[in-house]
C-alpha atoms as a PDB file:
ATOM      1  CA  MET A   1      -3.030 -11.587  33.373  1.00  0.00           C
ATOM      2  CA  ALA A   2       0.841 -13.041  33.191  1.00  0.00           C
ATOM      3  CA  LYS A   3      -0.800 -16.191  31.015  1.00  0.00           C
ATOM      4  CA  ASN A   4      -2.513 -14.051  28.137  1.00  0.00           C
ATOM      5  CA  LYS A   5       0.804 -11.969  28.314  1.00  0.00           C
ATOM      6  CA  LYS A   6       2.725 -14.929  27.268  1.00  0.00           C
ATOM      7  CA  ARG A   7      -0.082 -15.418  24.462  1.00  0.00           C
ATOM      8  CA  VAL A   8       1.195 -14.436  21.005  1.00  0.00           C
ATOM      9  CA  THR A   9      -1.138 -12.759  19.024  1.00  0.00           C
ATOM     10  CA  LEU A  10       0.571 -11.834  15.848  1.00  0.00           C
ATOM     11  CA  GLU A  11       4.467 -13.161  15.121  1.00  0.00           C
ATOM     12  CA  ALA A  12       6.793 -12.003  11.713  1.00  0.00           C
ATOM     13  CA  SER A  13       9.005 -15.089  11.427  1.00  0.00           C
ATOM     14  CA  HIS A  14      12.353 -14.175   8.787  1.00  0.00           C
ATOM     15  CA  VAL A  15       9.500 -12.067   6.723  1.00  0.00           C
ATOM     16  CA  SER A  16      10.879 -11.050   3.265  1.00  0.00           C
ATOM     17  CA  MET A  17       9.029  -9.237   0.520  1.00  0.00           C
ATOM     18  CA  LYS A  18      10.858  -8.720  -3.052  1.00  0.00           C
ATOM     19  CA  PHE A  19       9.277  -6.826  -6.220  1.00  0.00           C
ATOM     20  CA  ASN A  20      10.065  -6.424  -9.679  1.00  0.00           C
ATOM     21  CA  LEU A  21      10.810  -3.054 -10.877  1.00  0.00           C
ATOM     22  CA  ASN A  22      11.193  -3.856 -14.252  1.00  0.00           C
ATOM     23  CA  GLN A  23       7.868  -5.029 -14.944  1.00  0.00           C
ATOM     24  CA  GLU A  24       8.610  -6.120 -18.498  1.00  0.00           C
ATOM     25  CA  LYS A  25       5.336  -7.100 -20.721  1.00  0.00           C
ATOM     26  CA  HIS A  26       5.524  -9.249 -24.056  1.00  0.00           C
ATOM     27  CA  ASP A  27       2.943  -9.056 -26.651  1.00  0.00           C
ATOM     28  CA  SER A  28       4.041 -12.047 -28.344  1.00  0.00           C
ATOM     29  CA  ILE A  29       6.057 -15.326 -27.626  1.00  0.00           C
ATOM     30  CA  LYS A  30       9.079 -14.802 -29.507  1.00  0.00           C
ATOM     31  CA  GLU A  31       9.061 -11.806 -27.709  1.00  0.00           C
ATOM     32  CA  VAL A  32       9.477 -13.757 -24.527  1.00  0.00           C
ATOM     33  CA  PHE A  33      12.180 -15.831 -25.919  1.00  0.00           C
ATOM     34  CA  ILE A  34      14.161 -12.835 -27.350  1.00  0.00           C
ATOM     35  CA  ASN A  35      14.120 -10.928 -23.972  1.00  0.00           C
ATOM     36  CA  LEU A  36      14.955 -14.449 -21.978  1.00  0.00           C
ATOM     37  CA  PHE A  37      18.487 -14.439 -23.645  1.00  0.00           C
ATOM     38  CA  ARG A  38      18.839 -10.646 -23.874  1.00  0.00           C
ATOM     39  CA  HIS A  39      18.233  -9.590 -20.583  1.00  0.00           C
ATOM     40  CA  THR A  40      19.112 -11.989 -17.813  1.00  0.00           C
ATOM     41  CA  ASP A  41      21.479  -9.698 -16.160  1.00  0.00           C
ATOM     42  CA  LYS A  42      18.325  -6.689 -16.597  1.00  0.00           C
ATOM     43  CA  ARG A  43      16.391  -9.124 -14.349  1.00  0.00           C
ATOM     44  CA  LYS A  44      18.415  -9.841 -11.887  1.00  0.00           C
ATOM     45  CA  GLU A  45      18.881  -5.581 -11.084  1.00  0.00           C
ATOM     46  CA  GLY A  46      15.342  -5.197 -11.212  1.00  0.00           C
ATOM     47  CA  GLU A  47      14.424  -6.848  -7.855  1.00  0.00           C
ATOM     48  CA  PHE A  48      13.809  -4.738  -5.264  1.00  0.00           C
ATOM     49  CA  TRP A  49      13.778  -6.115  -1.426  1.00  0.00           C
ATOM     50  CA  ALA A  50      11.391  -3.945   0.195  1.00  0.00           C
ATOM     51  CA  LEU A  51      11.159  -6.297   3.734  1.00  0.00           C
ATOM     52  CA  LYS A  52      14.126  -8.119   4.669  1.00  0.00           C
ATOM     53  CA  ASP A  53      14.578 -11.103   7.465  1.00  0.00           C
ATOM     54  CA  ILE A  54      11.726  -9.518   9.572  1.00  0.00           C
ATOM     55  CA  SER A  55      11.200 -11.183  12.937  1.00  0.00           C
ATOM     56  CA  PHE A  56       9.169 -10.337  16.020  1.00  0.00           C
ATOM     57  CA  LYS A  57       6.655 -11.292  18.198  1.00  0.00           C
ATOM     58  CA  LEU A  58       3.492  -8.981  19.728  1.00  0.00           C
ATOM     59  CA  HIS A  59       1.640 -10.134  22.874  1.00  0.00           C
ATOM     60  CA  PRO A  60      -2.323  -8.956  23.934  1.00  0.00           C
ATOM     61  CA  GLY A  61      -1.708  -5.054  24.927  1.00  0.00           C
ATOM     62  CA  ASP A  62       1.150  -4.495  22.952  1.00  0.00           C
ATOM     63  CA  ARG A  63       1.029  -1.166  21.056  1.00  0.00           C
ATOM     64  CA  VAL A  64       3.644  -0.764  18.388  1.00  0.00           C
ATOM     65  CA  GLY A  65       4.765   2.357  16.228  1.00  0.00           C
ATOM     66  CA  ILE A  66       6.452   1.528  13.351  1.00  0.00           C
ATOM     67  CA  LEU A  67       9.045   4.112  12.408  1.00  0.00           C
ATOM     68  CA  GLY A  68      11.290   4.842   9.461  1.00  0.00           C
ATOM     69  CA  LEU A  69      11.822   7.308   6.801  1.00  0.00           C
ATOM     70  CA  ASN A  70      10.302   7.030   3.624  1.00  0.00           C
ATOM     71  CA  GLY A  71      10.835   4.082   1.663  1.00  0.00           C
ATOM     72  CA  ALA A  72      11.973   2.404   4.605  1.00  0.00           C
ATOM     73  CA  GLY A  73       9.241  -0.372   4.070  1.00  0.00           C
ATOM     74  CA  LYS A  74       6.253   0.611   6.947  1.00  0.00           C
ATOM     75  CA  SER A  75       3.051   0.273   5.156  1.00  0.00           C
ATOM     76  CA  THR A  76       4.686  -2.934   2.853  1.00  0.00           C
ATOM     77  CA  LEU A  77       5.204  -4.529   6.242  1.00  0.00           C
ATOM     78  CA  LEU A  78       1.508  -3.688   7.623  1.00  0.00           C
ATOM     79  CA  LYS A  79       0.623  -4.852   4.160  1.00  0.00           C
ATOM     80  CA  ALA A  80       2.168  -8.470   4.815  1.00  0.00           C
ATOM     81  CA  LEU A  81       0.696  -8.070   8.260  1.00  0.00           C
ATOM     82  CA  ALA A  82      -2.708  -7.759   7.544  1.00  0.00           C
ATOM     83  CA  GLY A  83      -2.189 -10.697   4.596  1.00  0.00           C
ATOM     84  CA  VAL A  84      -2.758  -8.355   1.836  1.00  0.00           C
ATOM     85  CA  TYR A  85       0.517  -9.068   0.577  1.00  0.00           C
ATOM     86  CA  LYS A  86       2.114 -12.645   0.891  1.00  0.00           C
ATOM     87  CA  PRO A  87       5.674 -12.211   2.085  1.00  0.00           C
ATOM     88  CA  THR A  88       7.872 -13.763  -0.698  1.00  0.00           C
ATOM     89  CA  GLU A  89      10.134 -15.921   2.030  1.00  0.00           C
ATOM     90  CA  GLY A  90       9.178 -16.332   6.064  1.00  0.00           C
ATOM     91  CA  VAL A  91       5.235 -16.400   7.383  1.00  0.00           C
ATOM     92  CA  VAL A  92       3.413 -14.298   8.907  1.00  0.00           C
ATOM     93  CA  THR A  93       1.200 -15.688  11.789  1.00  0.00           C
ATOM     94  CA  ARG A  94      -1.913 -14.105  13.325  1.00  0.00           C
ATOM     95  CA  LYS A  95      -4.390 -15.443  16.196  1.00  0.00           C
ATOM     96  CA  GLY A  96      -7.859 -13.408  16.560  1.00  0.00           C
ATOM     97  CA  LYS A  97     -10.338 -11.051  14.772  1.00  0.00           C
ATOM     98  CA  ILE A  98      -8.059  -8.221  12.570  1.00  0.00           C
ATOM     99  CA  ALA A  99      -8.885  -4.870  11.360  1.00  0.00           C
ATOM    100  CA  PRO A 100      -6.592  -3.418   9.093  1.00  0.00           C
ATOM    101  CA  LEU A 101      -6.965   0.576   8.596  1.00  0.00           C
ATOM    102  CA  LEU A 102      -5.013   0.485   5.464  1.00  0.00           C
ATOM    103  CA  GLU A 103      -5.806   2.297   2.243  1.00  0.00           C
ATOM    104  CA  LEU A 104      -9.340   3.750   3.690  1.00  0.00           C
ATOM    105  CA  GLY A 105     -12.043   3.557   1.414  1.00  0.00           C
ATOM    106  CA  ALA A 106      -9.881   1.939  -1.648  1.00  0.00           C
ATOM    107  CA  GLY A 107     -12.601  -0.865  -1.547  1.00  0.00           C
ATOM    108  CA  PHE A 108     -15.751   1.217  -2.526  1.00  0.00           C
ATOM    109  CA  ASP A 109     -17.356   1.899  -5.999  1.00  0.00           C
ATOM    110  CA  LYS A 110     -17.733   5.339  -6.957  1.00  0.00           C
ATOM    111  CA  GLU A 111     -21.099   4.863  -8.668  1.00  0.00           C
ATOM    112  CA  TYR A 112     -23.146   2.952  -4.979  1.00  0.00           C
ATOM    113  CA  THR A 113     -23.960   5.465  -2.182  1.00  0.00           C
ATOM    114  CA  ALA A 114     -22.784   5.672   0.886  1.00  0.00           C
ATOM    115  CA  ARG A 115     -25.386   3.646   2.089  1.00  0.00           C
ATOM    116  CA  GLU A 116     -24.779   0.795  -0.497  1.00  0.00           C
ATOM    117  CA  ASN A 117     -21.171   0.763  -0.122  1.00  0.00           C
ATOM    118  CA  ILE A 118     -21.150   1.032   3.890  1.00  0.00           C
ATOM    119  CA  TYR A 119     -22.138  -2.624   3.138  1.00  0.00           C
ATOM    120  CA  LEU A 120     -19.964  -3.810   0.411  1.00  0.00           C
ATOM    121  CA  TYR A 121     -17.130  -2.249   2.331  1.00  0.00           C
ATOM    122  CA  GLY A 122     -18.233  -4.339   5.159  1.00  0.00           C
ATOM    123  CA  ALA A 123     -18.558  -7.436   3.659  1.00  0.00           C
ATOM    124  CA  VAL A 124     -15.371  -6.948   2.125  1.00  0.00           C
ATOM    125  CA  LEU A 125     -13.867  -6.703   5.628  1.00  0.00           C
ATOM    126  CA  GLY A 126     -15.535 -10.022   6.815  1.00  0.00           C
ATOM    127  CA  TYR A 127     -18.489  -8.033   9.012  1.00  0.00           C
ATOM    128  CA  LYS A 128     -21.974  -9.735   8.446  1.00  0.00           C
ATOM    129  CA  LYS A 129     -24.936  -7.890   7.522  1.00  0.00           C
ATOM    130  CA  GLU A 130     -26.623  -8.148  10.914  1.00  0.00           C
ATOM    131  CA  PHE A 131     -23.403  -6.497  12.584  1.00  0.00           C
ATOM    132  CA  ILE A 132     -23.832  -3.655   9.830  1.00  0.00           C
ATOM    133  CA  ASP A 133     -27.656  -3.240  10.437  1.00  0.00           C
ATOM    134  CA  GLN A 134     -26.895  -2.602  14.141  1.00  0.00           C
ATOM    135  CA  LYS A 135     -23.622  -0.501  14.000  1.00  0.00           C
ATOM    136  CA  PHE A 136     -25.149   1.304  10.484  1.00  0.00           C
ATOM    137  CA  ASP A 137     -26.270   4.515  12.324  1.00  0.00           C
ATOM    138  CA  ASP A 138     -23.188   4.764  14.133  1.00  0.00           C
ATOM    139  CA  ILE A 139     -20.973   3.901  11.423  1.00  0.00           C
ATOM    140  CA  VAL A 140     -22.622   7.276   9.331  1.00  0.00           C
ATOM    141  CA  GLU A 141     -22.972   9.797  12.557  1.00  0.00           C
ATOM    142  CA  PHE A 142     -19.099   9.178  13.075  1.00  0.00           C
ATOM    143  CA  ALA A 143     -18.214   9.962   9.678  1.00  0.00           C
ATOM    144  CA  GLU A 144     -20.799  13.227   9.987  1.00  0.00           C
ATOM    145  CA  LEU A 145     -22.621  11.893   6.201  1.00  0.00           C
ATOM    146  CA  GLY A 146     -25.463  13.599   7.098  1.00  0.00           C
ATOM    147  CA  GLN A 147     -28.277  13.787   4.262  1.00  0.00           C
ATOM    148  CA  PHE A 148     -25.358  12.978   1.974  1.00  0.00           C
ATOM    149  CA  VAL A 149     -25.625   9.159   2.860  1.00  0.00           C
ATOM    150  CA  ASP A 150     -27.600   8.833  -0.240  1.00  0.00           C
ATOM    151  CA  VAL A 151     -25.390  10.466  -2.554  1.00  0.00           C
ATOM    152  CA  PRO A 152     -23.195   8.144  -4.864  1.00  0.00           C
ATOM    153  CA  VAL A 153     -19.247   8.588  -3.799  1.00  0.00           C
ATOM    154  CA  LYS A 154     -18.258   9.662  -6.805  1.00  0.00           C
ATOM    155  CA  ASN A 155     -19.487  13.153  -5.578  1.00  0.00           C
ATOM    156  CA  TYR A 156     -17.718  13.081  -2.190  1.00  0.00           C
ATOM    157  CA  SER A 157     -14.431  14.480  -1.360  1.00  0.00           C
ATOM    158  CA  SER A 158     -11.336  12.347  -0.601  1.00  0.00           C
ATOM    159  CA  GLY A 159     -11.846  12.927   2.731  1.00  0.00           C
ATOM    160  CA  MET A 160     -15.553  12.501   3.025  1.00  0.00           C
ATOM    161  CA  ARG A 161     -14.310   8.846   1.172  1.00  0.00           C
ATOM    162  CA  SER A 162     -11.206   8.783   4.047  1.00  0.00           C
ATOM    163  CA  ARG A 163     -13.728   9.303   6.871  1.00  0.00           C
ATOM    164  CA  LEU A 164     -16.328   7.015   5.808  1.00  0.00           C
ATOM    165  CA  GLY A 165     -13.419   4.431   5.733  1.00  0.00           C
ATOM    166  CA  PHE A 166     -12.253   4.812   8.986  1.00  0.00           C
ATOM    167  CA  SER A 167     -15.923   4.633  10.302  1.00  0.00           C
ATOM    168  CA  ILE A 168     -16.525   1.132   8.807  1.00  0.00           C
ATOM    169  CA  CYS A 169     -12.813  -0.066   9.868  1.00  0.00           C
ATOM    170  CA  THR A 170     -13.451   0.687  13.781  1.00  0.00           C
ATOM    171  CA  ALA A 171     -16.852  -0.572  14.130  1.00  0.00           C
ATOM    172  CA  VAL A 172     -15.590  -3.666  15.212  1.00  0.00           C
ATOM    173  CA  ASP A 173     -13.649  -4.731  18.211  1.00  0.00           C
ATOM    174  CA  PRO A 174     -10.818  -6.363  16.984  1.00  0.00           C
ATOM    175  CA  ASP A 175      -7.673  -8.620  18.811  1.00  0.00           C
ATOM    176  CA  ILE A 176      -4.899  -7.368  15.903  1.00  0.00           C
ATOM    177  CA  LEU A 177      -5.425  -3.159  15.158  1.00  0.00           C
ATOM    178  CA  ILE A 178      -3.528  -2.374  12.270  1.00  0.00           C
ATOM    179  CA  LEU A 179      -2.960   1.430  11.276  1.00  0.00           C
ATOM    180  CA  ASP A 180      -1.384   3.641   8.158  1.00  0.00           C
ATOM    181  CA  GLU A 181      -1.292   6.820   8.596  1.00  0.00           C
ATOM    182  CA  VAL A 182      -5.340   6.655   9.332  1.00  0.00           C
ATOM    183  CA  LEU A 183      -5.334   9.470  12.411  1.00  0.00           C
ATOM    184  CA  SER A 184      -4.184  12.472   9.575  1.00  0.00           C
ATOM    185  CA  VAL A 185      -7.837  11.734   7.701  1.00  0.00           C
ATOM    186  CA  GLY A 186      -9.829  15.294   7.795  1.00  0.00           C
ATOM    187  CA  ASP A 187      -9.398  18.341   9.346  1.00  0.00           C
ATOM    188  CA  ALA A 188      -8.110  18.884  12.746  1.00  0.00           C
ATOM    189  CA  LYS A 189     -11.369  18.052  14.316  1.00  0.00           C
ATOM    190  CA  PHE A 190     -11.916  15.142  12.933  1.00  0.00           C
ATOM    191  CA  ARG A 191      -8.549  13.902  13.223  1.00  0.00           C
ATOM    192  CA  LYS A 192      -8.988  14.428  17.137  1.00  0.00           C
ATOM    193  CA  LYS A 193     -12.487  12.657  17.558  1.00  0.00           C
ATOM    194  CA  SER A 194     -10.680   9.676  14.785  1.00  0.00           C
ATOM    195  CA  GLU A 195      -7.457   9.272  17.849  1.00  0.00           C
ATOM    196  CA  ALA A 196      -9.981   9.018  20.723  1.00  0.00           C
ATOM    197  CA  ARG A 197     -12.018   6.411  18.418  1.00  0.00           C
ATOM    198  CA  ILE A 198      -8.947   4.347  18.363  1.00  0.00           C
ATOM    199  CA  LYS A 199      -8.038   4.940  21.918  1.00  0.00           C
ATOM    200  CA  GLU A 200     -11.226   3.531  22.624  1.00  0.00           C
ATOM    201  CA  MET A 201     -10.600   0.453  20.873  1.00  0.00           C
ATOM    202  CA  PHE A 202      -7.148   0.328  22.794  1.00  0.00           C
ATOM    203  CA  GLU A 203      -8.726  -0.786  25.729  1.00  0.00           C
ATOM    204  CA  GLY A 204      -8.705  -4.538  26.920  1.00  0.00           C
ATOM    205  CA  ASP A 205      -5.632  -6.191  25.063  1.00  0.00           C
ATOM    206  CA  VAL A 206      -5.619  -5.337  21.607  1.00  0.00           C
ATOM    207  CA  THR A 207      -2.854  -5.505  19.905  1.00  0.00           C
ATOM    208  CA  VAL A 208      -1.966  -2.322  17.485  1.00  0.00           C
ATOM    209  CA  LEU A 209       0.762  -1.993  14.871  1.00  0.00           C
ATOM    210  CA  PHE A 210       0.590   1.587  14.182  1.00  0.00           C
ATOM    211  CA  VAL A 211       2.496   4.200  11.102  1.00  0.00           C
ATOM    212  CA  SER A 212       3.408   7.811  11.861  1.00  0.00           C
ATOM    213  CA  HIS A 213       5.568  10.310  10.753  1.00  0.00           C
ATOM    214  CA  SER A 214       4.817  11.888  13.928  1.00  0.00           C
ATOM    215  CA  LEU A 215       6.557  11.047  16.572  1.00  0.00           C
ATOM    216  CA  GLU A 216       4.815  12.924  19.228  1.00  0.00           C
ATOM    217  CA  GLN A 217       1.766  10.636  18.379  1.00  0.00           C
ATOM    218  CA  VAL A 218       3.447   7.539  18.320  1.00  0.00           C
ATOM    219  CA  LYS A 219       4.272   8.180  22.177  1.00  0.00           C
ATOM    220  CA  ARG A 220       1.238   8.994  22.869  1.00  0.00           C
ATOM    221  CA  ILE A 221      -0.718   5.686  21.840  1.00  0.00           C
ATOM    222  CA  CYS A 222       2.372   3.202  21.842  1.00  0.00           C
ATOM    223  CA  ASN A 223       3.881   1.572  24.744  1.00  0.00           C
ATOM    224  CA  LYS A 224       6.887  -0.220  22.193  1.00  0.00           C
ATOM    225  CA  ALA A 225       7.999   1.003  18.347  1.00  0.00           C
ATOM    226  CA  MET A 226      10.333  -0.444  15.748  1.00  0.00           C
ATOM    227  CA  ILE A 227      12.286   1.069  13.321  1.00  0.00           C
ATOM    228  CA  LEU A 228      12.536  -0.021   9.563  1.00  0.00           C
ATOM    229  CA  ASP A 229      15.735   1.330   7.672  1.00  0.00           C
ATOM    230  CA  HIS A 230      15.842   0.511   3.609  1.00  0.00           C
ATOM    231  CA  GLY A 231      13.268  -2.274   4.763  1.00  0.00           C
ATOM    232  CA  GLU A 232      15.874  -3.938   7.537  1.00  0.00           C
ATOM    233  CA  LEU A 233      14.759  -4.042  11.532  1.00  0.00           C
ATOM    234  CA  LYS A 234      17.544  -1.560  12.581  1.00  0.00           C
ATOM    235  CA  ALA A 235      15.407  -1.507  16.345  1.00  0.00           C
ATOM    236  CA  PHE A 236      12.697  -3.076  18.519  1.00  0.00           C
ATOM    237  CA  GLY A 237      11.492  -2.457  21.886  1.00  0.00           C
ATOM    238  CA  ASP A 238      10.214  -0.058  24.728  1.00  0.00           C
ATOM    239  CA  ILE A 239       8.674   3.518  23.456  1.00  0.00           C
ATOM    240  CA  GLU A 240      10.982   5.785  25.060  1.00  0.00           C
ATOM    241  CA  ASP A 241      14.225   3.956  24.029  1.00  0.00           C
ATOM    242  CA  VAL A 242      13.382   3.486  20.353  1.00  0.00           C
ATOM    243  CA  ALA A 243      12.199   6.918  20.030  1.00  0.00           C
ATOM    244  CA  ALA A 244      15.271   8.454  21.202  1.00  0.00           C
ATOM    245  CA  ILE A 245      17.772   6.421  18.461  1.00  0.00           C
ATOM    246  CA  TYR A 246      14.647   7.572  15.743  1.00  0.00           C
ATOM    247  CA  GLN A 247      15.483  11.015  16.682  1.00  0.00           C
ATOM    248  CA  GLU A 248      19.096  10.459  16.432  1.00  0.00           C
ATOM    249  CA  LEU A 249      18.037   8.637  12.669  1.00  0.00           C
ATOM    250  CA  ILE A 250      16.465  11.618  11.591  1.00  0.00           C
ATOM    251  CA  ALA A 251      19.394  14.151  12.122  1.00  0.00           C
ATOM    252  CA  GLY A 252      21.886  12.021  10.828  1.00  0.00           C
ATOM    253  CA  ASP A 253      24.702  12.591   7.927  1.00  0.00           C
ATOM    254  CA  GLU A 254      22.598  14.561   5.679  1.00  0.00           C
ATOM    255  CA  GLU A 255      24.400  13.158   2.701  1.00  0.00           C
ATOM    256  CA  VAL A 256      22.488   9.360   3.907  1.00  0.00           C
ATOM    257  CA  LEU A 257      19.392  11.159   3.748  1.00  0.00           C
ATOM    258  CA  LYS A 258      20.129  12.620   0.179  1.00  0.00           C
ATOM    259  CA  LYS A 259      20.645   9.155  -0.700  1.00  0.00           C
ATOM    260  CA  LYS A 260      17.795   7.883   0.429  1.00  0.00           C
ATOM    261  CA  ALA A 261      15.360  10.773  -1.383  1.00  0.00           C
ATOM    262  CA  LYS A 262      17.291   9.606  -4.682  1.00  0.00           C
ATOM    263  CA  ASN A 263      16.131   6.385  -4.118  1.00  0.00           C
ATOM    264  CA  MET A 264      12.517   6.980  -3.822  1.00  0.00           C
ATOM    265  CA  ARG A 265      13.013   9.070  -6.698  1.00  0.00           C
ATOM    266  CA  LYS A 266      13.614   6.302  -8.826  1.00  0.00           C
ATOM    267  CA  THR A 267      11.413   4.063  -7.337  1.00  0.00           C
ATOM    268  CA  ARG A 268       8.465   7.016  -8.291  1.00  0.00           C
ATOM    269  CA  LYS A 269      10.022   7.189 -12.101  1.00  0.00           C
ATOM    270  CA  VAL A 270      10.093   3.470 -12.312  1.00  0.00           C
ATOM    271  CA  ARG A 271       6.231   3.171 -11.282  1.00  0.00           C
ATOM    272  CA  ARG A 272       5.228   6.196 -13.700  1.00  0.00           C
ATOM    273  CA  LYS A 273       6.666   4.285 -16.517  1.00  0.00           C
ATOM    274  CA  VAL A 274       4.395   1.225 -15.614  1.00  0.00           C
ATOM    275  CA  ARG A 275       1.591   3.162 -15.822  1.00  0.00           C
ATOM    276  CA  HIS A 276       2.516   4.607 -18.954  1.00  0.00           C
ATOM    277  CA  ARG A 277       3.332   1.102 -20.350  1.00  0.00           C
ATOM    278  CA  ASP A 278      -0.217   0.171 -19.004  1.00  0.00           C
ATOM    279  CA  ALA A 279      -1.958   2.296 -20.975  1.00  0.00           C
ATOM    280  CA  TYR A 280      -0.133   1.881 -24.070  1.00  0.00           C
ATOM    281  CA  LEU A 281      -1.396  -1.474 -23.986  1.00  0.00           C
ATOM    282  CA  LEU A 282      -5.001  -1.104 -23.042  1.00  0.00           C
ATOM    283  CA  MET A 283      -4.858   1.436 -25.994  1.00  0.00           C
ATOM    284  CA  LYS A 284      -3.227  -0.848 -28.202  1.00  0.00           C
ATOM    285  CA  ASN A 285      -5.266  -4.212 -27.400  1.00  0.00           C
ATOM    286  CA  HIS A 286      -8.625  -2.389 -26.080  1.00  0.00           C
ATOM    287  CA  ASN A 287      -8.766   0.378 -28.734  1.00  0.00           C
ATOM    288  CA  LEU A 288      -9.603   2.875 -25.605  1.00  0.00           C
ATOM    289  CA  SER A 289      -9.431   6.984 -26.629  1.00  0.00           C
ATOM    290  CA  LEU A 290      -7.002   8.469 -24.159  1.00  0.00           C
ATOM    291  CA  ASP A 291      -9.968  10.455 -22.787  1.00  0.00           C
ATOM    292  CA  GLU A 292     -10.981   6.787 -21.413  1.00  0.00           C
ATOM    293  CA  ILE A 293      -8.235   6.011 -20.413  1.00  0.00           C
ATOM    294  CA  PHE A 294      -7.559   8.994 -17.957  1.00  0.00           C
ATOM    295  CA  ASP A 295     -11.123   7.816 -16.692  1.00  0.00           C
ATOM    296  CA  VAL A 296      -9.910   4.161 -16.445  1.00  0.00           C
ATOM    297  CA  MET A 297      -6.693   4.910 -14.636  1.00  0.00           C
ATOM    298  CA  GLU A 298      -7.958   8.045 -12.783  1.00  0.00           C
ATOM    299  CA  VAL A 299      -5.365  10.407 -14.213  1.00  0.00           C
ATOM    300  CA  PRO A 300      -5.928  13.575 -12.307  1.00  0.00           C
ATOM    301  CA  GLU A 301      -6.865  16.817 -14.989  1.00  0.00           C
ATOM    302  CA  ALA A 302      -3.624  18.335 -14.681  1.00  0.00           C
ATOM    303  CA  GLN A 303      -0.831  15.482 -14.859  1.00  0.00           C
ATOM    304  CA  ARG A 304      -2.843  14.156 -18.625  1.00  0.00           C
ATOM    305  CA  GLU A 305      -1.010  16.252 -20.211  1.00  0.00           C
ATOM    306  CA  LYS A 306       2.314  14.677 -19.067  1.00  0.00           C
ATOM    307  CA  PHE A 307       0.942  11.009 -18.844  1.00  0.00           C
ATOM    308  CA  GLU A 308       0.008  11.143 -22.561  1.00  0.00           C
ATOM    309  CA  GLU A 309       3.973  12.013 -22.954  1.00  0.00           C
ATOM    310  CA  GLY A 310       4.668   9.327 -21.613  1.00  0.00           C
ATOM    311  CA  ILE A 311       2.280   6.711 -23.631  1.00  0.00           C
ATOM    312  CA  LYS A 312       3.316   8.584 -26.664  1.00  0.00           C
ATOM    313  CA  ARG A 313       7.691   7.594 -25.475  1.00  0.00           C
ATOM    314  CA  VAL A 314       6.043   4.133 -24.896  1.00  0.00           C
ATOM    315  CA  GLU A 315       4.948   3.932 -28.348  1.00  0.00           C
ATOM    316  CA  GLU A 316       7.812   5.600 -30.004  1.00  0.00           C
ATOM    317  CA  ASN A 317      10.264   2.434 -27.491  1.00  0.00           C
ATOM    318  CA  GLN A 318       7.841  -0.634 -28.444  1.00  0.00           C
ATOM    319  CA  LYS A 319       8.701   0.787 -32.193  1.00  0.00           C
ATOM    320  CA  LYS A 320      12.151   0.653 -32.031  1.00  0.00           C
ATOM    321  CA  LYS A 321      12.178  -2.709 -29.994  1.00  0.00           C
ATOM    322  CA  ALA A 322       9.958  -4.002 -33.142  1.00  0.00           C
ATOM    323  CA  GLN A 323      12.260  -2.433 -35.772  1.00  0.00           C
ATOM    324  CA  MET A 324      15.308  -4.204 -33.815  1.00  0.00           C
ATOM    325  CA  SER A 325      13.736  -7.994 -33.167  1.00  0.00           C
ATOM    326  CA  VAL A 326      12.804  -7.642 -37.167  1.00  0.00           C
ATOM    327  CA  LYS A 327      16.840  -6.527 -37.609  1.00  0.00           C
ATOM    328  CA  VAL A 328      17.696  -9.250 -35.505  1.00  0.00           C
ATOM    329  CA  ASP A 329      15.469 -12.153 -36.876  1.00  0.00           C
ATOM    330  CA  GLY A 330      17.291 -10.641 -40.247  1.00  0.00           C
ATOM    331  CA  GLU A 331      20.543 -11.314 -39.313  1.00  0.00           C
ATOM    332  CA  ASN A 332      19.533 -14.778 -37.879  1.00  0.00           C
ATOM    333  CA  GLY A 333      18.079 -15.910 -40.857  1.00  0.00           C
ATOM    334  CA  ILE A 334      14.447 -16.014 -39.612  1.00  0.00           C
ATOM    335  CA  ASP A 335      11.366 -15.054 -42.066  1.00  0.00           C
ATOM    336  CA  ASN A 336       8.715 -12.827 -40.024  1.00  0.00           C
ATOM    337  CA  ASN A 337       6.423 -14.290 -41.942  1.00  0.00           C
ATOM    338  CA  THR A 338       6.673 -17.441 -41.727  1.00  0.00           C
ATOM    339  CA  GLY A 339       8.581 -17.889 -38.750  1.00  0.00           C
ATOM    340  CA  ILE A 340      11.465 -19.895 -40.182  1.00  0.00           C
END
């Protein structure tokens, strides 16, 4: 057993993740060259490092809770460890079978029934058909689908889809288990059942990484913990020691917490602008109607009016850019018809 403890099942070595918040898109080669010289400093300012030089090693039997305020980089770290993201810098090494419970049901085809999606989702996770055949009844029973197993998933509630995704993901016996707030799935009864299922998976030497906003839940499940803050690893060690540090962090300076909240709102605003621009380009390049855009991008009914206003703002900005481009070309003596 002592020898097994020395075996490293998961290692992060100087892992960093960078995202570009500007997300500028161009409709022509001319626009690329104009913006290349016009926005050099702006491009650099738009770089956002979600993770910064994260390093740690995990062994069989380690159950690690990842703590941090919203926007700390917890989910980004899990996706990098699971292989969903490739780190901008550094290396992640995984040894053994991995079960990532991240965005449950994200791979479902809404037109397919639950029966069909079980096989589809299982294939995405790397399960063989024979394995799904053996586990099918258990998956349906645990997800509490009953007579709805042959109903298209598009008619399911978000809770039903999440329960189905959780049931499929936990049908395997992994060496590494990655959980991103999945124990908040469903009602209180199902949450209790899902936590019991996860604890069953802990038997043996499985390595676990678990994100939750509930410190008490992390202390019940984990024997170790780490704290992320603005993408940096602030603490890593025994759960009781790290939990004490985390409690001090969340009870800390109110101004610091306000600043974090402001940064989060800024990030959400940037993401909304990117979606509005994507919708505008779909309408322009593929002649889609507004209703088709809403369906393609899954815009909730209550948000459609504001989303339409956002698209209109993008359209107005594009017209202003086009006018500015014409003006710049004119000042430089370029004929827009010939490009000379």
